[in-house]
C-alpha cells in the first residue's frame, strides 16, 4: 500500500468513526474537512493506481473504498453504475 493509500484509509476510517458518532454527538461533527482531505488525496493518486479504488473515490463511494483498502473488496455489493 502506498503512502497516499494509507492516508486515504486513515481519512476513510476517521470518516466512518465520525459518521457512526453522529446519532449521539452534540454538536454534530463537521465532515467537510474530511471530504476535502479525501478529494486532495484522491488527486495525489498516480494514474496507475487501482482502477477500482479510483472509481470508488471519484464516485464518493467511501465505504467501498475503505473496504477495498482493507483488503475486503469481496464484501462490496455492485452499485447502480454496474460496477462492483
PDB file of N, CA and C in Angstrom:
ATOM      1  N   UNK A   1       0.860  -1.173   0.000  1.00  0.00           N
ATOM      2  CA  UNK A   1       0.000   0.000   0.000  1.00  0.00           C
ATOM      3  C   UNK A   1       0.903   1.232   0.000  1.00  0.00           C
ATOM      4  N   UNK A   2       0.576   2.183  -0.866  1.00  0.00           N
ATOM      5  CA  UNK A   2       1.374   3.400  -0.945  1.00  0.00           C
ATOM      6  C   UNK A   2       1.077   4.319   0.248  1.00  0.00           C
ATOM      7  N   UNK A   3       1.914   5.298   0.411  1.00  0.00           N
ATOM      8  CA  UNK A   3       1.720   6.276   1.492  1.00  0.00           C
ATOM      9  C   UNK A   3       0.400   7.028   1.315  1.00  0.00           C
ATOM     10  N   UNK A   4       0.090   7.373   0.078  1.00  0.00           N
ATOM     11  CA  UNK A   4      -1.170   8.080  -0.200  1.00  0.00           C
ATOM     12  C   UNK A   4      -2.361   7.183   0.102  1.00  0.00           C
ATOM     13  N   UNK A   5      -2.276   5.907  -0.272  1.00  0.00           N
ATOM     14  CA  UNK A   5      -3.362   4.988   0.019  1.00  0.00           C
ATOM     15  C   UNK A   5      -3.535   4.807   1.526  1.00  0.00           C
ATOM     16  N   UNK A   6      -2.438   4.786   2.263  1.00  0.00           N
ATOM     17  CA  UNK A   6      -2.522   4.693   3.726  1.00  0.00           C
ATOM     18  C   UNK A   6      -3.209   5.921   4.305  1.00  0.00           C
ATOM     19  N   UNK A   7      -2.875   7.105   3.773  1.00  0.00           N
ATOM     20  CA  UNK A   7      -3.509   8.337   4.245  1.00  0.00           C
ATOM     21  C   UNK A   7      -4.997   8.342   3.907  1.00  0.00           C
ATOM     22  N   UNK A   8      -5.346   7.824   2.735  1.00  0.00           N
ATOM     23  CA  UNK A   8      -6.755   7.725   2.356  1.00  0.00           C
ATOM     24  C   UNK A   8      -7.486   6.785   3.303  1.00  0.00           C
ATOM     25  N   UNK A   9      -6.881   5.645   3.597  1.00  0.00           N
ATOM     26  CA  UNK A   9      -7.507   4.696   4.528  1.00  0.00           C
ATOM     27  C   UNK A   9      -7.704   5.329   5.900  1.00  0.00           C
ATOM     28  N   UNK A  10      -6.728   6.087   6.369  1.00  0.00           N
ATOM     29  CA  UNK A  10      -6.864   6.764   7.664  1.00  0.00           C
ATOM     30  C   UNK A  10      -8.022   7.759   7.628  1.00  0.00           C
ATOM     31  N   UNK A  11      -8.119   8.527   6.546  1.00  0.00           N
ATOM     32  CA  UNK A  11      -9.208   9.503   6.428  1.00  0.00           C
ATOM     33  C   UNK A  11     -10.557   8.798   6.334  1.00  0.00           C
ATOM     34  N   UNK A  12     -10.614   7.700   5.598  1.00  0.00           N
ATOM     35  CA  UNK A  12     -11.868   6.948   5.476  1.00  0.00           C
ATOM     36  C   UNK A  12     -12.279   6.329   6.803  1.00  0.00           C
ATOM     37  N   UNK A  13     -11.312   5.856   7.560  1.00  0.00           N
ATOM     38  CA  UNK A  13     -11.601   5.283   8.876  1.00  0.00           C
ATOM     39  C   UNK A  13     -12.109   6.365   9.820  1.00  0.00           C
ATOM     40  N   UNK A  14     -11.502   7.541   9.755  1.00  0.00           N
ATOM     41  CA  UNK A  14     -11.961   8.667  10.574  1.00  0.00           C
ATOM     42  C   UNK A  14     -13.372   9.089  10.169  1.00  0.00           C
ATOM     43  N   UNK A  15     -13.635   9.141   8.873  1.00  0.00           N
ATOM     44  CA  UNK A  15     -14.975   9.478   8.390  1.00  0.00           C
ATOM     45  C   UNK A  15     -15.995   8.478   8.918  1.00  0.00           C
ATOM     46  N   UNK A  16     -15.685   7.196   8.833  1.00  0.00           N
ATOM     47  CA  UNK A  16     -16.582   6.157   9.331  1.00  0.00           C
ATOM     48  C   UNK A  16     -16.854   6.342  10.821  1.00  0.00           C
ATOM     49  N   UNK A  17     -15.811   6.623  11.573  1.00  0.00           N
ATOM     50  CA  UNK A  17     -15.949   6.822  13.021  1.00  0.00           C
ATOM     51  C   UNK A  17     -16.837   8.030  13.314  1.00  0.00           C
ATOM     52  N   UNK A  18     -16.601   9.130  12.592  1.00  0.00           N
ATOM     53  CA  UNK A  18     -17.385  10.353  12.817  1.00  0.00           C
ATOM     54  C   UNK A  18     -18.857  10.138  12.460  1.00  0.00           C
ATOM     55  N   UNK A  19     -19.105   9.467  11.347  1.00  0.00           N
ATOM     56  CA  UNK A  19     -20.494   9.222  10.924  1.00  0.00           C
ATOM     57  C   UNK A  19     -21.213   8.364  11.958  1.00  0.00           C
ATOM     58  N   UNK A  20     -20.533   7.338  12.450  1.00  0.00           N
ATOM     59  CA  UNK A  20     -21.161   6.467  13.448  1.00  0.00           C
ATOM     60  C   UNK A  20     -21.425   7.192  14.764  1.00  0.00           C
ATOM     61  N   UNK A  21     -20.687   8.252  15.055  1.00  0.00           N
ATOM     62  CA  UNK A  21     -20.885   9.000  16.293  1.00  0.00           C
ATOM     63  C   UNK A  21     -22.012  10.020  16.184  1.00  0.00           C
ATOM     64  N   UNK A  22     -22.468  10.300  14.989  1.00  0.00           N
ATOM     65  CA  UNK A  22     -23.425  11.391  14.774  1.00  0.00           C
ATOM     66  C   UNK A  22     -24.738  11.252  15.543  1.00  0.00           C
ATOM     67  N   UNK A  23     -25.316  10.064  15.659  1.00  0.00           N
ATOM     68  CA  UNK A  23     -26.598   9.993  16.374  1.00  0.00           C
ATOM     69  C   UNK A  23     -26.523  10.501  17.817  1.00  0.00           C
ATOM     70  N   UNK A  24     -25.354  10.410  18.432  1.00  0.00           N
ATOM     71  CA  UNK A  24     -25.223  10.800  19.836  1.00  0.00           C
ATOM     72  C   UNK A  24     -24.373  12.051  20.036  1.00  0.00           C
ATOM     73  N   UNK A  25     -23.810  12.584  18.959  1.00  0.00           N
ATOM     74  CA  UNK A  25     -22.905  13.727  19.074  1.00  0.00           C
ATOM     75  C   UNK A  25     -23.693  15.034  19.178  1.00  0.00           C
ATOM     76  N   UNK A  26     -23.211  15.901  20.046  1.00  0.00           N
ATOM     77  CA  UNK A  26     -23.781  17.238  20.173  1.00  0.00           C
ATOM     78  C   UNK A  26     -22.657  18.166  20.604  1.00  0.00           C
ATOM     79  N   UNK A  27     -22.159  18.994  19.733  1.00  0.00           N
ATOM     80  CA  UNK A  27     -22.634  19.258  18.372  1.00  0.00           C
ATOM     81  C   UNK A  27     -22.208  18.157  17.396  1.00  0.00           C
ATOM     82  N   UNK A  28     -22.873  18.149  16.259  1.00  0.00           N
ATOM     83  CA  UNK A  28     -22.553  17.179  15.217  1.00  0.00           C
ATOM     84  C   UNK A  28     -21.164  17.480  14.660  1.00  0.00           C
ATOM     85  N   UNK A  29     -20.404  16.434  14.304  1.00  0.00           N
ATOM     86  CA  UNK A  29     -19.068  16.672  13.747  1.00  0.00           C
ATOM     87  C   UNK A  29     -19.154  17.315  12.367  1.00  0.00           C
ATOM     88  N   UNK A  30     -18.154  18.120  12.060  1.00  0.00           N
ATOM     89  CA  UNK A  30     -18.056  18.753  10.751  1.00  0.00           C
ATOM     90  C   UNK A  30     -17.267  17.804   9.843  1.00  0.00           C
ATOM     91  N   UNK A  31     -17.939  17.214   8.879  1.00  0.00           N
ATOM     92  CA  UNK A  31     -17.310  16.243   7.993  1.00  0.00           C
ATOM     93  C   UNK A  31     -16.638  16.885   6.783  1.00  0.00           C
ATOM     94  N   UNK A  32     -16.901  18.155   6.534  1.00  0.00           N
ATOM     95  CA  UNK A  32     -16.352  18.810   5.343  1.00  0.00           C
ATOM     96  C   UNK A  32     -14.829  18.739   5.264  1.00  0.00           C
ATOM     97  N   UNK A  33     -14.085  18.932   6.362  1.00  0.00           N
ATOM     98  CA  UNK A  33     -12.624  18.812   6.251  1.00  0.00           C
ATOM     99  C   UNK A  33     -12.171  17.410   5.841  1.00  0.00           C
ATOM    100  N   UNK A  34     -12.891  16.395   6.265  1.00  0.00           N
ATOM    101  CA  UNK A  34     -12.530  15.027   5.877  1.00  0.00           C
ATOM    102  C   UNK A  34     -12.793  14.831   4.386  1.00  0.00           C
ATOM    103  N   UNK A  35     -13.937  15.334   3.908  1.00  0.00           N
ATOM    104  CA  UNK A  35     -14.237  15.221   2.478  1.00  0.00           C
ATOM    105  C   UNK A  35     -13.196  15.971   1.646  1.00  0.00           C
ATOM    106  N   UNK A  36     -12.798  17.146   2.103  1.00  0.00           N
ATOM    107  CA  UNK A  36     -11.784  17.929   1.384  1.00  0.00           C
ATOM    108  C   UNK A  36     -10.448  17.178   1.356  1.00  0.00           C
ATOM    109  N   UNK A  37     -10.084  16.574   2.476  1.00  0.00           N
ATOM    110  CA  UNK A  37      -8.830  15.803   2.532  1.00  0.00           C
ATOM    111  C   UNK A  37      -8.898  14.614   1.580  1.00  0.00           C
ATOM    112  N   UNK A  38     -10.019  13.923   1.558  1.00  0.00           N
ATOM    113  CA  UNK A  38     -10.169  12.793   0.647  1.00  0.00           C
ATOM    114  C   UNK A  38     -10.065  13.233  -0.811  1.00  0.00           C
ATOM    115  N   UNK A  39     -10.671  14.357  -1.148  1.00  0.00           N
ATOM    116  CA  UNK A  39     -10.559  14.882  -2.516  1.00  0.00           C
ATOM    117  C   UNK A  39      -9.107  15.192  -2.852  1.00  0.00           C
ATOM    118  N   UNK A  40      -8.398  15.820  -1.922  1.00  0.00           N
ATOM    119  CA  UNK A  40      -6.994  16.171  -2.136  1.00  0.00           C
ATOM    120  C   UNK A  40      -6.145  14.911  -2.305  1.00  0.00           C
ATOM    121  N   UNK A  41      -6.344  13.942  -1.438  1.00  0.00           N
ATOM    122  CA  UNK A  41      -5.568  12.701  -1.522  1.00  0.00           C
ATOM    123  C   UNK A  41      -5.888  11.928  -2.804  1.00  0.00           C
ATOM    124  N   UNK A  42      -7.144  11.959  -3.227  1.00  0.00           N
ATOM    125  CA  UNK A  42      -7.528  11.278  -4.473  1.00  0.00           C
ATOM    126  C   UNK A  42      -6.769  11.885  -5.646  1.00  0.00           C
ATOM    127  N   UNK A  43      -6.632  13.195  -5.670  1.00  0.00           N
ATOM    128  CA  UNK A  43      -5.890  13.869  -6.744  1.00  0.00           C
ATOM    129  C   UNK A  43      -4.411  13.482  -6.728  1.00  0.00           C
ATOM    130  N   UNK A  44      -3.893  13.073  -5.578  1.00  0.00           N
ATOM    131  CA  UNK A  44      -2.483  12.705  -5.464  1.00  0.00           C
ATOM    132  C   UNK A  44      -2.189  11.281  -5.937  1.00  0.00           C
ATOM    133  N   UNK A  45      -3.224  10.479  -6.128  1.00  0.00           N
ATOM    134  CA  UNK A  45      -3.004   9.105  -6.578  1.00  0.00           C
ATOM    135  C   UNK A  45      -2.440   9.112  -7.997  1.00  0.00           C
ATOM    136  N   UNK A  46      -1.488   8.244  -8.267  1.00  0.00           N
ATOM    137  CA  UNK A  46      -0.926   8.181  -9.624  1.00  0.00           C
ATOM    138  C   UNK A  46      -1.906   7.547 -10.598  1.00  0.00           C
ATOM    139  N   UNK A  47      -1.724   7.802 -11.884  1.00  0.00           N
ATOM    140  CA  UNK A  47      -2.629   7.239 -12.895  1.00  0.00           C
ATOM    141  C   UNK A  47      -2.679   5.711 -12.873  1.00  0.00           C
ATOM    142  N   UNK A  48      -1.598   5.072 -12.426  1.00  0.00           N
ATOM    143  CA  UNK A  48      -1.563   3.612 -12.402  1.00  0.00           C
ATOM    144  C   UNK A  48      -2.162   3.033 -11.122  1.00  0.00           C
ATOM    145  N   UNK A  49      -2.774   3.869 -10.294  1.00  0.00           N
ATOM    146  CA  UNK A  49      -3.449   3.377  -9.089  1.00  0.00           C
ATOM    147  C   UNK A  49      -4.578   2.444  -9.498  1.00  0.00           C
ATOM    148  N   UNK A  50      -5.018   1.632  -8.573  1.00  0.00           N
ATOM    149  CA  UNK A  50      -6.076   0.671  -8.855  1.00  0.00           C
ATOM    150  C   UNK A  50      -7.297   1.359  -9.466  1.00  0.00           C
ATOM    151  N   UNK A  51      -7.745   0.880 -10.616  1.00  0.00           N
ATOM    152  CA  UNK A  51      -8.957   1.461 -11.216  1.00  0.00           C
ATOM    153  C   UNK A  51     -10.172   1.339 -10.297  1.00  0.00           C
ATOM    154  N   UNK A  52     -10.248   0.256  -9.539  1.00  0.00           N
ATOM    155  CA  UNK A  52     -11.371   0.096  -8.609  1.00  0.00           C
ATOM    156  C   UNK A  52     -11.336   1.173  -7.540  1.00  0.00           C
ATOM    157  N   UNK A  53     -10.173   1.399  -6.952  1.00  0.00           N
ATOM    158  CA  UNK A  53     -10.050   2.425  -5.915  1.00  0.00           C
ATOM    159  C   UNK A  53     -10.386   3.796  -6.483  1.00  0.00           C
ATOM    160  N   UNK A  54      -9.846   4.114  -7.644  1.00  0.00           N
ATOM    161  CA  UNK A  54     -10.144   5.410  -8.268  1.00  0.00           C
ATOM    162  C   UNK A  54     -11.644   5.552  -8.526  1.00  0.00           C
ATOM    163  N   UNK A  55     -12.274   4.492  -9.008  1.00  0.00           N
ATOM    164  CA  UNK A  55     -13.715   4.527  -9.267  1.00  0.00           C
ATOM    165  C   UNK A  55     -14.485   4.829  -7.982  1.00  0.00           C
ATOM    166  N   UNK A  56     -14.184   4.100  -6.922  1.00  0.00           N
ATOM    167  CA  UNK A  56     -14.886   4.303  -5.651  1.00  0.00           C
ATOM    168  C   UNK A  56     -14.714   5.740  -5.160  1.00  0.00           C
ATOM    169  N   UNK A  57     -13.487   6.245  -5.222  1.00  0.00           N
ATOM    170  CA  UNK A  57     -13.230   7.590  -4.705  1.00  0.00           C
ATOM    171  C   UNK A  57     -13.878   8.670  -5.570  1.00  0.00           C
ATOM    172  N   UNK A  58     -13.824   8.504  -6.880  1.00  0.00           N
ATOM    173  CA  UNK A  58     -14.444   9.503  -7.761  1.00  0.00           C
ATOM    174  C   UNK A  58     -15.967   9.508  -7.628  1.00  0.00           C
ATOM    175  N   UNK A  59     -16.538   8.351  -7.331  1.00  0.00           N
ATOM    176  CA  UNK A  59     -17.995   8.254  -7.152  1.00  0.00           C
ATOM    177  C   UNK A  59     -18.414   8.541  -5.710  1.00  0.00           C
ATOM    178  N   UNK A  60     -17.438   8.874  -4.863  1.00  0.00           N
ATOM    179  CA  UNK A  60     -17.696   9.166  -3.441  1.00  0.00           C
ATOM    180  C   UNK A  60     -18.275   7.948  -2.715  1.00  0.00           C
ATOM    181  N   UNK A  61     -17.915   6.764  -3.178  1.00  0.00           N
ATOM    182  CA  UNK A  61     -18.324   5.516  -2.526  1.00  0.00           C
ATOM    183  C   UNK A  61     -17.274   5.193  -1.467  1.00  0.00           C
ATOM    184  N   UNK A  62     -17.308   5.973  -0.408  1.00  0.00           N
ATOM    185  CA  UNK A  62     -16.233   5.919   0.582  1.00  0.00           C
ATOM    186  C   UNK A  62     -16.204   4.609   1.368  1.00  0.00           C
ATOM    187  N   UNK A  63     -17.348   4.028   1.642  1.00  0.00           N
ATOM    188  CA  UNK A  63     -17.333   2.751   2.355  1.00  0.00           C
ATOM    189  C   UNK A  63     -16.709   1.666   1.470  1.00  0.00           C
ATOM    190  N   UNK A  64     -17.044   1.683   0.182  1.00  0.00           N
ATOM    191  CA  UNK A  64     -16.455   0.715  -0.736  1.00  0.00           C
ATOM    192  C   UNK A  64     -14.946   0.919  -0.837  1.00  0.00           C
ATOM    193  N   UNK A  65     -14.511   2.174  -0.882  1.00  0.00           N
ATOM    194  CA  UNK A  65     -13.071   2.464  -0.946  1.00  0.00           C
ATOM    195  C   UNK A  65     -12.375   1.962   0.316  1.00  0.00           C
ATOM    196  N   UNK A  66     -13.009   2.175   1.470  1.00  0.00           N
ATOM    197  CA  UNK A  66     -12.413   1.711   2.738  1.00  0.00           C
ATOM    198  C   UNK A  66     -12.291   0.192   2.743  1.00  0.00           C
ATOM    199  N   UNK A  67     -13.356  -0.495   2.358  1.00  0.00           N
ATOM    200  CA  UNK A  67     -13.310  -1.957   2.317  1.00  0.00           C
ATOM    201  C   UNK A  67     -12.235  -2.440   1.336  1.00  0.00           C
ATOM    202  N   UNK A  68     -12.126  -1.785   0.199  1.00  0.00           N
ATOM    203  CA  UNK A  68     -11.105  -2.144  -0.785  1.00  0.00           C
ATOM    204  C   UNK A  68      -9.713  -2.030  -0.175  1.00  0.00           C
ATOM    205  N   UNK A  69      -9.441  -0.904   0.477  1.00  0.00           N
ATOM    206  CA  UNK A  69      -8.114  -0.681   1.060  1.00  0.00           C
ATOM    207  C   UNK A  69      -7.837  -1.605   2.242  1.00  0.00           C
ATOM    208  N   UNK A  70      -8.878  -2.082   2.885  1.00  0.00           N
ATOM    209  CA  UNK A  70      -8.716  -3.035   3.991  1.00  0.00           C
ATOM    210  C   UNK A  70      -8.583  -4.477   3.480  1.00  0.00           C
ATOM    211  N   UNK A  71      -8.596  -4.650   2.150  1.00  0.00           N
ATOM    212  CA  UNK A  71      -8.497  -5.987   1.582  1.00  0.00           C
ATOM    213  C   UNK A  71      -9.802  -6.752   1.651  1.00  0.00           C
ATOM    214  N   UNK A  72     -10.908  -6.025   1.754  1.00  0.00           N
ATOM    215  CA  UNK A  72     -12.226  -6.638   1.921  1.00  0.00           C
ATOM    216  C   UNK A  72     -13.137  -6.303   0.742  1.00  0.00           C
ATOM    217  N   UNK A  73     -12.570  -6.139  -0.448  1.00  0.00           N
ATOM    218  CA  UNK A  73     -13.340  -5.729  -1.619  1.00  0.00           C
ATOM    219  C   UNK A  73     -14.442  -6.724  -1.962  1.00  0.00           C
ATOM    220  N   UNK A  74     -14.248  -7.994  -1.607  1.00  0.00           N
ATOM    221  CA  UNK A  74     -15.268  -9.007  -1.890  1.00  0.00           C
ATOM    222  C   UNK A  74     -16.584  -8.707  -1.174  1.00  0.00           C
ATOM    223  N   UNK A  75     -16.531  -7.901  -0.113  1.00  0.00           N
ATOM    224  CA  UNK A  75     -17.747  -7.545   0.635  1.00  0.00           C
ATOM    225  C   UNK A  75     -18.544  -6.439  -0.045  1.00  0.00           C
ATOM    226  N   UNK A  76     -17.954  -5.806  -1.052  1.00  0.00           N
ATOM    227  CA  UNK A  76     -18.642  -4.709  -1.736  1.00  0.00           C
ATOM    228  C   UNK A  76     -19.727  -5.242  -2.659  1.00  0.00           C
ATOM    229  N   UNK A  77     -20.905  -4.667  -2.535  1.00  0.00           N
ATOM    230  CA  UNK A  77     -22.019  -5.023  -3.418  1.00  0.00           C
ATOM    231  C   UNK A  77     -21.932  -4.185  -4.682  1.00  0.00           C
ATOM    232  N   UNK A  78     -22.479  -4.703  -5.761  1.00  0.00           N
ATOM    233  CA  UNK A  78     -22.499  -3.961  -7.015  1.00  0.00           C
ATOM    234  C   UNK A  78     -23.311  -2.684  -6.827  1.00  0.00           C
ATOM    235  N   UNK A  79     -22.836  -1.599  -7.413  1.00  0.00           N
ATOM    236  CA  UNK A  79     -23.512  -0.318  -7.314  1.00  0.00           C
ATOM    237  C   UNK A  79     -24.488  -0.105  -8.461  1.00  0.00           C
ATOM    238  N   UNK A  80     -25.160   1.041  -8.454  1.00  0.00           N
ATOM    239  CA  UNK A  80     -26.119   1.373  -9.502  1.00  0.00           C
ATOM    240  C   UNK A  80     -25.459   1.509 -10.853  1.00  0.00           C
ATOM    241  N   UNK A  81     -24.162   1.826 -10.845  1.00  0.00           N
ATOM    242  CA  UNK A  81     -23.447   2.019 -12.096  1.00  0.00           C
ATOM    243  C   UNK A  81     -23.046   0.683 -12.725  1.00  0.00           C
ATOM    244  N   UNK A  82     -23.328  -0.422 -12.033  1.00  0.00           N
ATOM    245  CA  UNK A  82     -22.975  -1.740 -12.538  1.00  0.00           C
ATOM    246  C   UNK A  82     -21.587  -2.185 -12.134  1.00  0.00           C
ATOM    247  N   UNK A  83     -20.864  -1.297 -11.487  1.00  0.00           N
ATOM    248  CA  UNK A  83     -19.513  -1.622 -11.022  1.00  0.00           C
ATOM    249  C   UNK A  83     -19.610  -2.174  -9.623  1.00  0.00           C
ATOM    250  N   UNK A  84     -18.827  -3.184  -9.358  1.00  0.00           N
ATOM    251  CA  UNK A  84     -18.832  -3.760  -8.002  1.00  0.00           C
ATOM    252  C   UNK A  84     -18.198  -2.813  -7.043  1.00  0.00           C
TER     253      UNK A  84
END
